[in-house]
Amino acid sequence: MEISIFWFIFWLIISLLVGGALGFLLSRSWFKNYLKKNPPVNENMIKEMMRQMGRTPSQKQVNQILNSMNQFK
């Protein structure tokens, strides 16, 4: 009786570890593919967004916004 409880707990722990590792690897590859298809904000997006707000951005302003966004990565 005690041996079967031991094996149950043993296989439970092993399956949780394997499932966690597989889940991590699958979610990491999914997220990498998602970033390839939908890249983060870039310079052209910032320029277009400012134009839609009625402003004509200078390159200095665009660089400042990009630098401030990159600080939070």
PDB file of N, CA and C in Angstrom:
ATOM      1  N   MET A   1       0.820  -1.195   0.000  1.00  0.00           N
ATOM      2  CA  MET A   1       0.000   0.000   0.000  1.00  0.00           C
ATOM      3  C   MET A   1       0.863   1.258   0.000  1.00  0.00           C
ATOM      4  N   GLU A   2       1.893   1.255   0.855  1.00  0.00           N
ATOM      5  CA  GLU A   2       2.754   2.428   0.924  1.00  0.00           C
ATOM      6  C   GLU A   2       3.586   2.589  -0.339  1.00  0.00           C
ATOM      7  N   ILE A   3       3.910   1.488  -0.980  1.00  0.00           N
ATOM      8  CA  ILE A   3       4.704   1.560  -2.202  1.00  0.00           C
ATOM      9  C   ILE A   3       3.903   2.214  -3.319  1.00  0.00           C
ATOM     10  N   SER A   4       2.623   1.925  -3.423  1.00  0.00           N
ATOM     11  CA  SER A   4       1.818   2.528  -4.482  1.00  0.00           C
ATOM     12  C   SER A   4       1.638   4.022  -4.250  1.00  0.00           C
ATOM     13  N   ILE A   5       1.566   4.464  -3.003  1.00  0.00           N
ATOM     14  CA  ILE A   5       1.467   5.899  -2.719  1.00  0.00           C
ATOM     15  C   ILE A   5       2.768   6.588  -3.118  1.00  0.00           C
ATOM     16  N   PHE A   6       3.885   5.920  -2.806  1.00  0.00           N
ATOM     17  CA  PHE A   6       5.186   6.468  -3.197  1.00  0.00           C
ATOM     18  C   PHE A   6       5.277   6.657  -4.709  1.00  0.00           C
ATOM     19  N   TRP A   7       4.891   5.631  -5.474  1.00  0.00           N
ATOM     20  CA  TRP A   7       4.976   5.746  -6.932  1.00  0.00           C
ATOM     21  C   TRP A   7       4.007   6.789  -7.467  1.00  0.00           C
ATOM     22  N   PHE A   8       2.840   6.901  -6.857  1.00  0.00           N
ATOM     23  CA  PHE A   8       1.882   7.923  -7.280  1.00  0.00           C
ATOM     24  C   PHE A   8       2.475   9.313  -7.107  1.00  0.00           C
ATOM     25  N   ILE A   9       3.061   9.577  -5.950  1.00  0.00           N
ATOM     26  CA  ILE A   9       3.665  10.887  -5.693  1.00  0.00           C
ATOM     27  C   ILE A   9       4.865  11.100  -6.605  1.00  0.00           C
ATOM     28  N   PHE A  10       5.664  10.055  -6.806  1.00  0.00           N
ATOM     29  CA  PHE A  10       6.826  10.155  -7.687  1.00  0.00           C
ATOM     30  C   PHE A  10       6.411  10.553  -9.100  1.00  0.00           C
ATOM     31  N   TRP A  11       5.428   9.844  -9.673  1.00  0.00           N
ATOM     32  CA  TRP A  11       5.001  10.145 -11.041  1.00  0.00           C
ATOM     33  C   TRP A  11       4.264  11.476 -11.123  1.00  0.00           C
ATOM     34  N   LEU A  12       3.600  11.860 -10.060  1.00  0.00           N
ATOM     35  CA  LEU A  12       2.940  13.169 -10.033  1.00  0.00           C
ATOM     36  C   LEU A  12       3.970  14.286 -10.126  1.00  0.00           C
ATOM     37  N   ILE A  13       5.038  14.172  -9.347  1.00  0.00           N
ATOM     38  CA  ILE A  13       6.097  15.192  -9.372  1.00  0.00           C
ATOM     39  C   ILE A  13       6.789  15.213 -10.725  1.00  0.00           C
ATOM     40  N   ILE A  14       7.102  14.050 -11.266  1.00  0.00           N
ATOM     41  CA  ILE A  14       7.764  13.977 -12.577  1.00  0.00           C
ATOM     42  C   ILE A  14       6.878  14.598 -13.658  1.00  0.00           C
ATOM     43  N   SER A  15       5.598  14.271 -13.651  1.00  0.00           N
ATOM     44  CA  SER A  15       4.703  14.804 -14.687  1.00  0.00           C
ATOM     45  C   SER A  15       4.527  16.313 -14.546  1.00  0.00           C
ATOM     46  N   LEU A  16       4.510  16.819 -13.316  1.00  0.00           N
ATOM     47  CA  LEU A  16       4.424  18.274 -13.137  1.00  0.00           C
ATOM     48  C   LEU A  16       5.672  18.976 -13.658  1.00  0.00           C
ATOM     49  N   LEU A  17       6.842  18.398 -13.401  1.00  0.00           N
ATOM     50  CA  LEU A  17       8.089  18.995 -13.899  1.00  0.00           C
ATOM     51  C   LEU A  17       8.153  18.971 -15.423  1.00  0.00           C
ATOM     52  N   VAL A  18       7.806  17.849 -16.018  1.00  0.00           N
ATOM     53  CA  VAL A  18       7.831  17.738 -17.481  1.00  0.00           C
ATOM     54  C   VAL A  18       6.792  18.670 -18.106  1.00  0.00           C
ATOM     55  N   GLY A  19       5.607  18.716 -17.519  1.00  0.00           N
ATOM     56  CA  GLY A  19       4.568  19.598 -18.040  1.00  0.00           C
ATOM     57  C   GLY A  19       4.946  21.067 -17.929  1.00  0.00           C
ATOM     58  N   GLY A  20       5.575  21.430 -16.828  1.00  0.00           N
ATOM     59  CA  GLY A  20       6.024  22.814 -16.670  1.00  0.00           C
ATOM     60  C   GLY A  20       7.089  23.189 -17.685  1.00  0.00           C
ATOM     61  N   ALA A  21       8.036  22.282 -17.908  1.00  0.00           N
ATOM     62  CA  ALA A  21       9.104  22.551 -18.887  1.00  0.00           C
ATOM     63  C   ALA A  21       8.533  22.655 -20.298  1.00  0.00           C
ATOM     64  N   LEU A  22       7.634  21.726 -20.656  1.00  0.00           N
ATOM     65  CA  LEU A  22       7.032  21.787 -21.990  1.00  0.00           C
ATOM     66  C   LEU A  22       6.178  23.043 -22.164  1.00  0.00           C
ATOM     67  N   GLY A  23       5.435  23.389 -21.137  1.00  0.00           N
ATOM     68  CA  GLY A  23       4.624  24.603 -21.205  1.00  0.00           C
ATOM     69  C   GLY A  23       5.471  25.849 -21.388  1.00  0.00           C
ATOM     70  N   PHE A  24       6.592  25.903 -20.669  1.00  0.00           N
ATOM     71  CA  PHE A  24       7.498  27.042 -20.814  1.00  0.00           C
ATOM     72  C   PHE A  24       8.060  27.128 -22.224  1.00  0.00           C
ATOM     73  N   LEU A  25       8.535  26.007 -22.758  1.00  0.00           N
ATOM     74  CA  LEU A  25       9.135  26.015 -24.093  1.00  0.00           C
ATOM     75  C   LEU A  25       8.102  26.359 -25.170  1.00  0.00           C
ATOM     76  N   LEU A  26       6.901  25.817 -25.062  1.00  0.00           N
ATOM     77  CA  LEU A  26       5.867  26.115 -26.051  1.00  0.00           C
ATOM     78  C   LEU A  26       5.433  27.580 -25.986  1.00  0.00           C
ATOM     79  N   SER A  27       5.265  28.103 -24.793  1.00  0.00           N
ATOM     80  CA  SER A  27       4.842  29.503 -24.687  1.00  0.00           C
ATOM     81  C   SER A  27       5.947  30.447 -25.158  1.00  0.00           C
ATOM     82  N   ARG A  28       7.211  30.072 -24.901  1.00  0.00           N
ATOM     83  CA  ARG A  28       8.320  30.909 -25.369  1.00  0.00           C
ATOM     84  C   ARG A  28       8.376  30.948 -26.892  1.00  0.00           C
ATOM     85  N   SER A  29       8.204  29.800 -27.555  1.00  0.00           N
ATOM     86  CA  SER A  29       8.247  29.783 -29.017  1.00  0.00           C
ATOM     87  C   SER A  29       7.035  30.507 -29.596  1.00  0.00           C
ATOM     88  N   TRP A  30       5.875  30.366 -28.965  1.00  0.00           N
ATOM     89  CA  TRP A  30       4.681  31.085 -29.437  1.00  0.00           C
ATOM     90  C   TRP A  30       4.900  32.589 -29.342  1.00  0.00           C
ATOM     91  N   PHE A  31       5.483  33.052 -28.226  1.00  0.00           N
ATOM     92  CA  PHE A  31       5.696  34.481 -28.035  1.00  0.00           C
ATOM     93  C   PHE A  31       6.728  35.023 -29.019  1.00  0.00           C
ATOM     94  N   LYS A  32       7.765  34.257 -29.331  1.00  0.00           N
ATOM     95  CA  LYS A  32       8.757  34.687 -30.325  1.00  0.00           C
ATOM     96  C   LYS A  32       8.102  34.840 -31.695  1.00  0.00           C
ATOM     97  N   ASN A  33       7.259  33.880 -32.080  1.00  0.00           N
ATOM     98  CA  ASN A  33       6.556  33.982 -33.357  1.00  0.00           C
ATOM     99  C   ASN A  33       5.612  35.177 -33.369  1.00  0.00           C
ATOM    100  N   TYR A  34       4.954  35.427 -32.255  1.00  0.00           N
ATOM    101  CA  TYR A  34       4.048  36.573 -32.161  1.00  0.00           C
ATOM    102  C   TYR A  34       4.806  37.882 -32.351  1.00  0.00           C
ATOM    103  N   LEU A  35       5.977  38.015 -31.751  1.00  0.00           N
ATOM    104  CA  LEU A  35       6.767  39.241 -31.904  1.00  0.00           C
ATOM    105  C   LEU A  35       7.300  39.395 -33.326  1.00  0.00           C
ATOM    106  N   LYS A  36       7.556  38.287 -34.016  1.00  0.00           N
ATOM    107  CA  LYS A  36       7.987  38.392 -35.414  1.00  0.00           C
ATOM    108  C   LYS A  36       6.850  38.918 -36.281  1.00  0.00           C
ATOM    109  N   LYS A  37       5.635  38.440 -36.040  1.00  0.00           N
ATOM    110  CA  LYS A  37       4.485  38.868 -36.844  1.00  0.00           C
ATOM    111  C   LYS A  37       4.002  40.265 -36.449  1.00  0.00           C
ATOM    112  N   ASN A  38       4.095  40.609 -35.172  1.00  0.00           N
ATOM    113  CA  ASN A  38       3.643  41.904 -34.664  1.00  0.00           C
ATOM    114  C   ASN A  38       4.785  42.567 -33.908  1.00  0.00           C
ATOM    115  N   PRO A  39       5.689  43.219 -34.635  1.00  0.00           N
ATOM    116  CA  PRO A  39       6.852  43.802 -33.966  1.00  0.00           C
ATOM    117  C   PRO A  39       6.429  44.939 -33.032  1.00  0.00           C
ATOM    118  N   PRO A  40       7.255  45.216 -32.026  1.00  0.00           N
ATOM    119  CA  PRO A  40       6.949  46.322 -31.128  1.00  0.00           C
ATOM    120  C   PRO A  40       7.025  47.657 -31.869  1.00  0.00           C
ATOM    121  N   VAL A  41       6.685  48.711 -31.180  1.00  0.00           N
ATOM    122  CA  VAL A  41       6.623  50.044 -31.784  1.00  0.00           C
ATOM    123  C   VAL A  41       7.986  50.417 -32.352  1.00  0.00           C
ATOM    124  N   ASN A  42       7.974  50.947 -33.580  1.00  0.00           N
ATOM    125  CA  ASN A  42       9.221  51.389 -34.188  1.00  0.00           C
ATOM    126  C   ASN A  42       9.098  52.867 -34.576  1.00  0.00           C
ATOM    127  N   GLU A  43      10.114  53.380 -35.225  1.00  0.00           N
ATOM    128  CA  GLU A  43      10.204  54.803 -35.549  1.00  0.00           C
ATOM    129  C   GLU A  43       9.066  55.263 -36.468  1.00  0.00           C
ATOM    130  N   ASN A  44       8.753  54.458 -37.476  1.00  0.00           N
ATOM    131  CA  ASN A  44       7.687  54.849 -38.405  1.00  0.00           C
ATOM    132  C   ASN A  44       6.327  54.895 -37.726  1.00  0.00           C
ATOM    133  N   MET A  45       6.085  53.987 -36.802  1.00  0.00           N
ATOM    134  CA  MET A  45       4.818  53.996 -36.078  1.00  0.00           C
ATOM    135  C   MET A  45       4.675  55.251 -35.228  1.00  0.00           C
ATOM    136  N   ILE A  46       5.759  55.664 -34.589  1.00  0.00           N
ATOM    137  CA  ILE A  46       5.721  56.875 -33.761  1.00  0.00           C
ATOM    138  C   ILE A  46       5.462  58.090 -34.629  1.00  0.00           C
ATOM    139  N   LYS A  47       6.132  58.173 -35.777  1.00  0.00           N
ATOM    140  CA  LYS A  47       5.917  59.314 -36.674  1.00  0.00           C
ATOM    141  C   LYS A  47       4.468  59.378 -37.148  1.00  0.00           C
ATOM    142  N   GLU A  48       3.916  58.237 -37.531  1.00  0.00           N
ATOM    143  CA  GLU A  48       2.539  58.206 -38.019  1.00  0.00           C
ATOM    144  C   GLU A  48       1.549  58.558 -36.906  1.00  0.00           C
ATOM    145  N   MET A  49       1.808  58.084 -35.721  1.00  0.00           N
ATOM    146  CA  MET A  49       0.923  58.387 -34.600  1.00  0.00           C
ATOM    147  C   MET A  49       0.919  59.890 -34.296  1.00  0.00           C
ATOM    148  N   MET A  50       2.083  60.504 -34.355  1.00  0.00           N
ATOM    149  CA  MET A  50       2.151  61.949 -34.090  1.00  0.00           C
ATOM    150  C   MET A  50       1.493  62.734 -35.218  1.00  0.00           C
ATOM    151  N   ARG A  51       1.610  62.262 -36.457  1.00  0.00           N
ATOM    152  CA  ARG A  51       0.934  62.931 -37.573  1.00  0.00           C
ATOM    153  C   ARG A  51      -0.574  62.854 -37.415  1.00  0.00           C
ATOM    154  N   GLN A  52      -1.068  61.718 -36.939  1.00  0.00           N
ATOM    155  CA  GLN A  52      -2.512  61.578 -36.730  1.00  0.00           C
ATOM    156  C   GLN A  52      -3.017  62.493 -35.623  1.00  0.00           C
ATOM    157  N   MET A  53      -2.136  62.832 -34.692  1.00  0.00           N
ATOM    158  CA  MET A  53      -2.519  63.760 -33.627  1.00  0.00           C
ATOM    159  C   MET A  53      -2.382  65.213 -34.073  1.00  0.00           C
ATOM    160  N   GLY A  54      -1.947  65.430 -35.287  1.00  0.00           N
ATOM    161  CA  GLY A  54      -1.845  66.779 -35.812  1.00  0.00           C
ATOM    162  C   GLY A  54      -0.500  67.431 -35.586  1.00  0.00           C
ATOM    163  N   ARG A  55       0.523  66.662 -35.294  1.00  0.00           N
ATOM    164  CA  ARG A  55       1.862  67.215 -35.074  1.00  0.00           C
ATOM    165  C   ARG A  55       2.808  66.673 -36.123  1.00  0.00           C
ATOM    166  N   THR A  56       3.786  67.467 -36.475  1.00  0.00           N
ATOM    167  CA  THR A  56       4.839  67.011 -37.369  1.00  0.00           C
ATOM    168  C   THR A  56       6.086  66.814 -36.512  1.00  0.00           C
ATOM    169  N   PRO A  57       6.468  65.578 -36.245  1.00  0.00           N
ATOM    170  CA  PRO A  57       7.574  65.347 -35.317  1.00  0.00           C
ATOM    171  C   PRO A  57       8.932  65.557 -35.976  1.00  0.00           C
ATOM    172  N   SER A  58       9.853  66.082 -35.191  1.00  0.00           N
ATOM    173  CA  SER A  58      11.237  66.144 -35.654  1.00  0.00           C
ATOM    174  C   SER A  58      11.915  64.823 -35.303  1.00  0.00           C
ATOM    175  N   GLN A  59      13.055  64.595 -35.900  1.00  0.00           N
ATOM    176  CA  GLN A  59      13.779  63.350 -35.626  1.00  0.00           C
ATOM    177  C   GLN A  59      14.218  63.288 -34.171  1.00  0.00           C
ATOM    178  N   LYS A  60      14.531  64.446 -33.602  1.00  0.00           N
ATOM    179  CA  LYS A  60      14.934  64.493 -32.200  1.00  0.00           C
ATOM    180  C   LYS A  60      13.790  64.032 -31.287  1.00  0.00           C
ATOM    181  N   GLN A  61      12.566  64.484 -31.582  1.00  0.00           N
ATOM    182  CA  GLN A  61      11.418  64.073 -30.777  1.00  0.00           C
ATOM    183  C   GLN A  61      11.173  62.568 -30.892  1.00  0.00           C
ATOM    184  N   VAL A  62      11.286  62.043 -32.096  1.00  0.00           N
ATOM    185  CA  VAL A  62      11.087  60.611 -32.314  1.00  0.00           C
ATOM    186  C   VAL A  62      12.131  59.821 -31.544  1.00  0.00           C
ATOM    187  N   ASN A  63      13.391  60.264 -31.582  1.00  0.00           N
ATOM    188  CA  ASN A  63      14.455  59.571 -30.858  1.00  0.00           C
ATOM    189  C   ASN A  63      14.218  59.622 -29.347  1.00  0.00           C
ATOM    190  N   GLN A  64      13.721  60.771 -28.847  1.00  0.00           N
ATOM    191  CA  GLN A  64      13.441  60.875 -27.418  1.00  0.00           C
ATOM    192  C   GLN A  64      12.353  59.894 -26.996  1.00  0.00           C
ATOM    193  N   ILE A  65      11.318  59.767 -27.814  1.00  0.00           N
ATOM    194  CA  ILE A  65      10.231  58.833 -27.490  1.00  0.00           C
ATOM    195  C   ILE A  65      10.735  57.396 -27.537  1.00  0.00           C
ATOM    196  N   LEU A  66      11.529  57.058 -28.551  1.00  0.00           N
ATOM    197  CA  LEU A  66      12.088  55.705 -28.637  1.00  0.00           C
ATOM    198  C   LEU A  66      12.991  55.398 -27.444  1.00  0.00           C
ATOM    199  N   ASN A  67      13.813  56.366 -27.052  1.00  0.00           N
ATOM    200  CA  ASN A  67      14.696  56.142 -25.901  1.00  0.00           C
ATOM    201  C   ASN A  67      13.911  55.968 -24.615  1.00  0.00           C
ATOM    202  N   SER A  68      12.850  56.747 -24.443  1.00  0.00           N
ATOM    203  CA  SER A  68      12.054  56.614 -23.229  1.00  0.00           C
ATOM    204  C   SER A  68      11.304  55.281 -23.211  1.00  0.00           C
ATOM    205  N   MET A  69      10.885  54.783 -24.377  1.00  0.00           N
ATOM    206  CA  MET A  69      10.213  53.485 -24.428  1.00  0.00           C
ATOM    207  C   MET A  69      11.194  52.340 -24.195  1.00  0.00           C
ATOM    208  N   ASN A  70      12.432  52.485 -24.659  1.00  0.00           N
ATOM    209  CA  ASN A  70      13.420  51.430 -24.494  1.00  0.00           C
ATOM    210  C   ASN A  70      13.908  51.310 -23.052  1.00  0.00           C
ATOM    211  N   GLN A  71      13.730  52.358 -22.244  1.00  0.00           N
ATOM    212  CA  GLN A  71      14.123  52.285 -20.851  1.00  0.00           C
ATOM    213  C   GLN A  71      13.271  51.300 -20.074  1.00  0.00           C
ATOM    214  N   PHE A  72      12.031  51.063 -20.515  1.00  0.00           N
ATOM    215  CA  PHE A  72      11.113  50.201 -19.796  1.00  0.00           C
ATOM    216  C   PHE A  72      11.163  48.742 -20.237  1.00  0.00           C
ATOM    217  N   LYS A  73      12.045  48.394 -21.153  1.00  0.00           N
ATOM    218  CA  LYS A  73      12.149  46.999 -21.613  1.00  0.00           C
ATOM    219  C   LYS A  73      12.800  46.143 -20.577  1.00  0.00           C
TER     220      LYS A  73
END
